[in-house]
Amino acid sequence: MRLARFRHEGREHTGAVEGDTIRPLDADMRTIIEGGVPGRAGAPIPLREVRLLAPVRPASLRDFVAFEEHVEGVRRSIDGSGGVPEAWYDAPTFYFTNPHRIFGPDDEVPFPARSVNRDFELEVAAIAGAGESIFGYTILNDWSARDLQKREMQVNLGPAKGKDFASSIGPWIVTADELDPFRDGEGFLDLWCHVTVNGVEVGRDLLSNMGWTFETMLAYAARDSVVRPGDLLGSGTVGNGGCLAELWGRNGEQNPPPLKDGDVVTLTVEGIGSLTNRVTSAPPTDDLPRVRRRDAARARAERQH
C-alpha cells in the first residue's frame, strides 16, 4: 500500500494512493503507523488535483552512512583523506538532523545564502513502526551545504549548519510488505536508485549495496535508547554518484558542478517512486559577533583575585 499526506481544496488529508487517484482515510499518518490502516473515508480524488506533502512529520530523523563507496569518496572531498575509517565497520553510524525542516514533493528547497558548494544526497528512509518493526519506506534527500560542512566538521563534532536547513521526503510511504519481493537472500532490498539534475542522470546504484539492513540499523538505533513509531532512519547516500561530493572526491575537481538556484533534482527509487525539488536560496544572514578568546591561565588568576 502507498500512503500519502496531501492538500485538497485547502485542507490537509491522509490517503491511500490507488493508481492515479488517492482515497482519503479516516486517520492521520501517525495514527496509521501506530495502529494500522483504517477504513476509507471518502471517494477517490485524481492525483492531479491534489498537492502531495511530506508523507510524515517525524519526531526524529536519524541519518545513517551505510555505503562504503560514499564514505570513501566524500572523505576525500571534505578533508582530503582517503579510504574508509576502521570504526565504520564496527557499527552502523548515524547522526541526528532537523525534523522541523522537512520538505515534501515539488517543494522549493532554500539553501543557506552563504553556501556555494550545494549538494543533494540520494537515500531511502525507513519509517519505524510499532514494536521496533519497520512500517514502510520513502525517498529521502539529505541536502548538504558542503562548504559549511567542511568548516564545522573540523571541530570533530559532526555536521550542523551544513545539514540542518533541509531534508526532503516523499512522494509517499510504501508499506514494508510491498517491497518484500525485492529482498535478496540476506534481507537487503535490491532496488535501483538514481538521481538526475535538470533531467541529466548523475548517479545510479543498488540499495542492496548497503553494509547493514534497515532492520539492523533500527535495532542499533533502539539500543540503550528509544525509537518511536513514525521516526525516520535514513540509509545514507548510495554510491556511484549518489551525491556530488563523492564525485568531486574521485574526480579531483568540482565536476559535475555544485547545485545552483533553479536546478531541479529528481531522486527515483524502484518500487517507491520519484521525489523532485527545486533549489533556491534562503535570505542572506548577518555576520556573527566575533568570538571571545580566553587565556585559561589568565582567567584562573583573575578569579583567584
Protein backbone atom coordinates (compact mmCIF):
# COMPACT_ATOMS: atom_id res chain seq x y z
CA MET A 1 0.00 0.00 0.00
CA ARG A 2 1.09 3.56 -0.72
CA LEU A 3 0.10 6.12 1.91
CA ALA A 4 0.39 9.87 1.44
CA ARG A 5 -0.41 13.19 3.05
CA PHE A 6 -1.97 15.70 0.69
CA ARG A 7 -3.72 19.03 0.45
CA HIS A 8 -7.04 19.29 -1.41
CA GLU A 9 -9.37 22.27 -1.55
CA GLY A 10 -7.46 24.00 1.24
CA ARG A 11 -7.48 21.08 3.70
CA GLU A 12 -4.84 18.50 4.62
CA HIS A 13 -5.68 14.79 4.49
CA THR A 14 -4.10 11.36 4.68
CA GLY A 15 -4.93 8.90 1.94
CA ALA A 16 -4.19 5.65 0.13
CA VAL A 17 -2.80 6.00 -3.40
CA GLU A 18 -4.70 3.78 -5.83
CA GLY A 19 -3.34 4.07 -9.36
CA ASP A 20 -3.74 7.67 -10.45
CA THR A 21 -6.14 8.51 -7.60
CA ILE A 22 -5.91 8.95 -3.85
CA ARG A 23 -8.66 7.91 -1.46
CA PRO A 24 -8.93 9.80 1.87
CA LEU A 25 -8.53 7.79 5.09
CA ASP A 26 -10.19 8.43 8.42
CA ALA A 27 -6.95 8.89 10.46
CA ASP A 28 -3.74 10.88 10.42
CA MET A 29 -0.45 9.29 9.37
CA ARG A 30 0.95 8.89 12.88
CA THR A 31 -2.19 7.02 13.99
CA ILE A 32 -1.95 4.76 10.95
CA ILE A 33 1.72 3.98 11.63
CA GLU A 34 0.97 3.16 15.25
CA GLY A 35 -2.26 1.23 14.83
CA GLY A 36 -2.91 0.22 11.23
CA VAL A 37 -4.83 1.46 8.22
CA PRO A 38 -8.48 2.45 8.91
CA GLY A 39 -11.39 2.31 6.53
CA ARG A 40 -11.71 4.67 3.57
CA ALA A 41 -13.40 7.96 4.39
CA GLY A 42 -14.30 9.35 1.00
CA ALA A 43 -14.40 8.97 -2.74
CA PRO A 44 -11.13 8.72 -4.67
CA ILE A 45 -9.62 12.01 -5.89
CA PRO A 46 -7.45 12.27 -9.03
CA LEU A 47 -3.80 12.75 -8.03
CA ARG A 48 -3.52 15.63 -10.50
CA GLU A 49 -6.00 17.59 -8.34
CA VAL A 50 -4.05 17.33 -5.06
CA ARG A 51 -0.75 18.67 -3.72
CA LEU A 52 1.33 15.91 -2.13
CA LEU A 53 3.00 16.82 1.17
CA ALA A 54 5.87 15.25 3.11
CA PRO A 55 4.25 11.91 3.99
CA VAL A 56 5.08 12.01 7.71
CA ARG A 57 6.13 14.59 10.29
CA PRO A 58 8.71 12.60 12.26
CA ALA A 59 9.71 13.37 15.83
CA SER A 60 13.29 12.43 14.91
CA LEU A 61 15.39 11.74 11.84
CA ARG A 62 18.48 9.56 12.23
CA ASP A 63 20.58 9.50 9.08
CA PHE A 64 23.00 6.60 8.74
CA VAL A 65 26.03 6.24 6.49
CA ALA A 66 25.69 2.67 5.23
CA PHE A 67 27.55 2.75 1.88
CA GLU A 68 31.34 2.27 1.81
CA GLU A 69 31.72 3.85 -1.62
CA HIS A 70 30.04 7.04 -0.43
CA VAL A 71 32.22 7.26 2.69
CA GLU A 72 35.43 6.85 0.71
CA GLY A 73 34.56 9.44 -1.92
CA VAL A 74 33.16 12.08 0.42
CA ARG A 75 36.08 11.82 2.86
CA ARG A 76 38.42 12.65 0.01
CA SER A 77 36.26 15.63 -0.96
CA ILE A 78 35.67 17.02 2.55
CA ASP A 79 39.01 16.55 4.32
CA GLY A 80 41.38 15.24 1.65
CA SER A 81 41.85 11.82 3.29
CA GLY A 82 41.24 8.52 1.55
CA GLY A 83 39.83 5.14 2.47
CA VAL A 84 37.14 4.19 4.97
CA PRO A 85 37.77 4.59 8.73
CA GLU A 86 38.06 1.25 10.53
CA ALA A 87 35.43 2.43 13.02
CA TRP A 88 32.90 2.48 10.18
CA TYR A 89 32.94 -1.33 10.11
CA ASP A 90 32.13 -1.64 13.84
CA ALA A 91 28.53 -0.41 13.80
CA PRO A 92 26.06 1.48 11.58
CA THR A 93 26.93 5.10 12.39
CA PHE A 94 24.30 7.86 12.22
CA TYR A 95 23.72 11.49 13.09
CA PHE A 96 20.53 13.35 14.03
CA THR A 97 19.27 16.03 11.68
CA ASN A 98 16.47 18.59 11.97
CA PRO A 99 12.90 17.15 11.95
CA HIS A 100 11.47 20.68 11.75
CA ARG A 101 12.91 21.43 8.29
CA ILE A 102 11.42 18.64 6.23
CA PHE A 103 10.12 19.43 2.75
CA GLY A 104 7.84 17.41 0.51
CA PRO A 105 7.42 16.64 -3.19
CA ASP A 106 7.83 19.62 -5.56
CA ASP A 107 8.72 22.00 -2.70
CA GLU A 108 11.44 24.58 -3.26
CA VAL A 109 14.44 23.88 -1.01
CA PRO A 110 16.18 27.02 0.32
CA PHE A 111 19.93 26.60 0.77
CA PRO A 112 21.86 28.92 3.09
CA ALA A 113 22.68 32.03 1.04
CA ARG A 114 26.31 31.80 2.17
CA SER A 115 26.75 28.32 0.69
CA VAL A 116 28.07 27.82 -2.83
CA ASN A 117 29.03 24.12 -2.67
CA ARG A 118 25.47 22.84 -2.71
CA ASP A 119 24.74 19.14 -2.94
CA PHE A 120 21.94 16.54 -2.93
CA GLU A 121 22.09 13.09 -1.31
CA LEU A 122 20.14 10.14 -2.73
CA GLU A 123 18.79 7.97 0.08
CA VAL A 124 15.92 5.75 1.17
CA ALA A 125 14.40 6.18 4.63
CA ALA A 126 12.67 3.52 6.71
CA ILE A 127 9.74 4.56 8.87
CA ALA A 128 9.75 2.90 12.29
CA GLY A 129 6.55 1.09 13.20
CA ALA A 130 5.17 -0.34 16.43
CA GLY A 131 7.31 -2.74 18.43
CA GLU A 132 10.58 -1.77 16.74
CA SER A 133 9.32 -3.02 13.37
CA ILE A 134 9.61 -1.24 10.03
CA PHE A 135 6.31 0.19 8.86
CA GLY A 136 7.42 1.29 5.40
CA TYR A 137 9.82 3.24 3.22
CA THR A 138 10.08 6.58 1.47
CA ILE A 139 12.69 8.51 -0.54
CA LEU A 140 15.00 10.89 1.34
CA ASN A 141 17.13 13.75 0.03
CA ASP A 142 19.64 14.80 2.71
CA TRP A 143 20.58 18.19 1.24
CA SER A 144 24.13 19.32 2.08
CA ALA A 145 25.96 22.65 2.11
CA ARG A 146 29.41 21.13 1.66
CA ASP A 147 31.42 24.32 2.27
CA LEU A 148 29.70 24.90 5.62
CA GLN A 149 30.01 21.20 6.48
CA LYS A 150 33.74 21.12 5.70
CA ARG A 151 34.48 24.01 8.06
CA GLU A 152 32.35 22.91 11.00
CA MET A 153 33.44 19.25 10.95
CA GLN A 154 36.99 20.35 11.75
CA VAL A 155 35.67 20.67 15.33
CA ASN A 156 35.15 16.85 15.30
CA LEU A 157 31.55 17.08 16.45
CA GLY A 158 29.65 16.34 13.26
CA PRO A 159 27.60 18.26 10.67
CA ALA A 160 25.44 21.14 11.90
CA LYS A 161 24.53 24.15 9.71
CA GLY A 162 25.80 22.24 6.69
CA LYS A 163 22.83 19.91 7.09
CA ASP A 164 20.04 21.19 9.32
CA PHE A 165 18.49 23.62 6.84
CA ALA A 166 16.56 21.00 4.82
CA SER A 167 15.68 17.38 4.18
CA SER A 168 13.08 16.23 1.64
CA ILE A 169 10.96 13.08 1.83
CA GLY A 170 8.27 11.58 -0.39
CA PRO A 171 6.36 11.18 -2.53
CA TRP A 172 4.57 8.74 -0.18
CA ILE A 173 5.20 5.83 2.16
CA VAL A 174 5.29 2.36 0.63
CA THR A 175 4.41 -0.20 3.32
CA ALA A 176 7.11 -2.76 4.04
CA ASP A 177 5.16 -5.73 2.68
CA GLU A 178 5.03 -4.10 -0.76
CA LEU A 179 8.83 -4.29 -1.04
CA ASP A 180 9.28 -7.85 0.25
CA PRO A 181 9.56 -9.21 -3.33
CA PHE A 182 12.73 -7.11 -3.75
CA ARG A 183 14.56 -8.70 -0.78
CA ASP A 184 17.66 -10.72 -1.52
CA GLY A 185 18.84 -13.76 0.45
CA GLU A 186 20.46 -11.59 3.14
CA GLY A 187 17.48 -9.33 3.74
CA PHE A 188 18.68 -6.34 1.70
CA LEU A 189 16.30 -4.50 -0.65
CA ASP A 190 17.52 -4.94 -4.22
CA LEU A 191 16.19 -1.62 -5.57
CA TRP A 192 17.73 0.56 -8.26
CA CYS A 193 18.16 4.17 -7.17
CA HIS A 194 19.11 7.03 -9.49
CA VAL A 195 19.31 10.81 -9.49
CA THR A 196 19.02 13.43 -12.20
CA VAL A 197 19.83 17.15 -12.18
CA ASN A 198 17.84 19.11 -14.76
CA GLY A 199 16.97 15.84 -16.46
CA VAL A 200 20.57 14.57 -16.76
CA GLU A 201 21.45 11.42 -14.81
CA VAL A 202 24.29 11.96 -12.33
CA GLY A 203 24.34 8.74 -10.30
CA ARG A 204 22.86 5.25 -10.06
CA ASP A 205 23.33 2.45 -7.51
CA LEU A 206 21.59 -0.52 -5.90
CA LEU A 207 20.17 -0.05 -2.43
CA SER A 208 21.33 -3.59 -1.66
CA ASN A 209 24.93 -2.31 -1.64
CA MET A 210 24.30 -1.13 1.94
CA GLY A 211 26.58 -2.52 4.63
CA TRP A 212 23.68 -3.22 7.02
CA THR A 213 19.99 -3.97 6.59
CA PHE A 214 17.39 -1.46 7.78
CA GLU A 215 16.40 -3.99 10.46
CA THR A 216 19.94 -3.95 11.85
CA MET A 217 20.07 -0.15 11.76
CA LEU A 218 16.72 0.07 13.58
CA ALA A 219 17.88 -2.36 16.26
CA TYR A 220 21.10 -0.40 16.72
CA ALA A 221 19.23 2.92 16.93
CA ALA A 222 16.99 1.48 19.65
CA ARG A 223 19.91 0.03 21.66
CA ASP A 224 20.09 1.81 25.05
CA SER A 225 17.71 4.40 23.59
CA VAL A 226 14.18 4.89 22.27
CA VAL A 227 12.77 4.78 18.73
CA ARG A 228 9.12 5.77 18.35
CA PRO A 229 6.66 4.85 15.58
CA GLY A 230 7.00 7.42 12.82
CA ASP A 231 10.70 8.11 13.42
CA LEU A 232 12.79 8.11 10.24
CA LEU A 233 16.03 6.19 9.63
CA GLY A 234 17.93 7.22 6.52
CA SER A 235 20.03 4.68 4.65
CA GLY A 236 22.83 7.13 4.00
CA THR A 237 23.77 8.16 0.50
CA VAL A 238 24.14 5.47 -2.16
CA GLY A 239 27.43 5.16 -4.00
CA ASN A 240 28.30 5.68 -7.67
CA GLY A 241 27.24 9.31 -7.81
CA GLY A 242 24.60 9.35 -5.10
CA CYS A 243 25.88 12.84 -4.28
CA LEU A 244 28.14 15.38 -5.96
CA ALA A 245 30.77 15.41 -3.18
CA GLU A 246 31.58 11.75 -3.82
CA LEU A 247 32.24 12.55 -7.49
CA TRP A 248 34.28 15.66 -6.56
CA GLY A 249 36.48 13.48 -4.35
CA ARG A 250 37.03 10.90 -7.05
CA ASN A 251 37.48 13.38 -9.93
CA GLY A 252 39.73 15.77 -8.03
CA GLU A 253 37.58 18.72 -9.14
CA GLN A 254 34.02 20.00 -8.86
CA ASN A 255 32.74 18.09 -11.84
CA PRO A 256 29.73 17.95 -12.06
CA PRO A 257 29.38 21.48 -10.65
CA PRO A 258 27.59 22.34 -7.38
CA LEU A 259 23.86 22.94 -7.45
CA LYS A 260 22.64 26.47 -8.13
CA ASP A 261 19.37 28.34 -7.87
CA GLY A 262 16.82 26.94 -10.29
CA ASP A 263 18.34 23.46 -10.56
CA VAL A 264 15.77 20.67 -10.40
CA VAL A 265 16.83 17.46 -8.63
CA THR A 266 14.85 14.23 -9.02
CA LEU A 267 15.52 11.10 -6.97
CA THR A 268 13.92 7.89 -8.23
CA VAL A 269 13.83 4.58 -6.38
CA GLU A 270 12.49 1.38 -7.88
CA GLY A 271 9.32 0.21 -6.15
CA ILE A 272 8.77 3.56 -4.42
CA GLY A 273 8.59 6.40 -6.96
CA SER A 274 10.22 9.79 -7.57
CA LEU A 275 10.87 12.86 -5.45
CA THR A 276 11.54 16.19 -7.18
CA ASN A 277 12.63 19.52 -5.67
CA ARG A 278 13.94 22.83 -6.99
CA VAL A 279 16.94 24.56 -5.44
CA THR A 280 16.60 28.14 -4.18
CA SER A 281 18.44 30.43 -1.75
CA ALA A 282 17.27 31.49 1.71
CA PRO A 283 17.54 35.20 2.61
CA PRO A 284 21.07 36.38 3.49
CA THR A 285 22.04 36.24 7.18
CA ASP A 286 24.02 38.69 9.31
CA ASP A 287 27.64 38.08 10.31
CA LEU A 288 28.19 36.55 13.74
CA PRO A 289 29.77 38.59 16.54
CA ARG A 290 33.48 37.95 16.92
CA VAL A 291 34.33 35.03 19.19
CA ARG A 292 35.60 35.83 22.68
CA ARG A 293 39.01 34.19 23.09
CA ARG A 294 40.08 33.42 26.64
CA ASP A 295 43.52 32.79 28.07
CA ALA A 296 42.82 29.97 30.55
CA ALA A 297 45.76 30.68 32.85
CA ARG A 298 44.94 34.38 32.98
CA ALA A 299 41.28 33.66 33.65
CA ARG A 300 42.17 31.42 36.61
CA ALA A 301 44.49 34.08 38.03
CA GLU A 302 41.79 36.74 37.74
CA ARG A 303 39.29 34.52 39.59
CA GLN A 304 41.79 34.00 42.43
CA HIS A 305 41.93 37.76 42.98
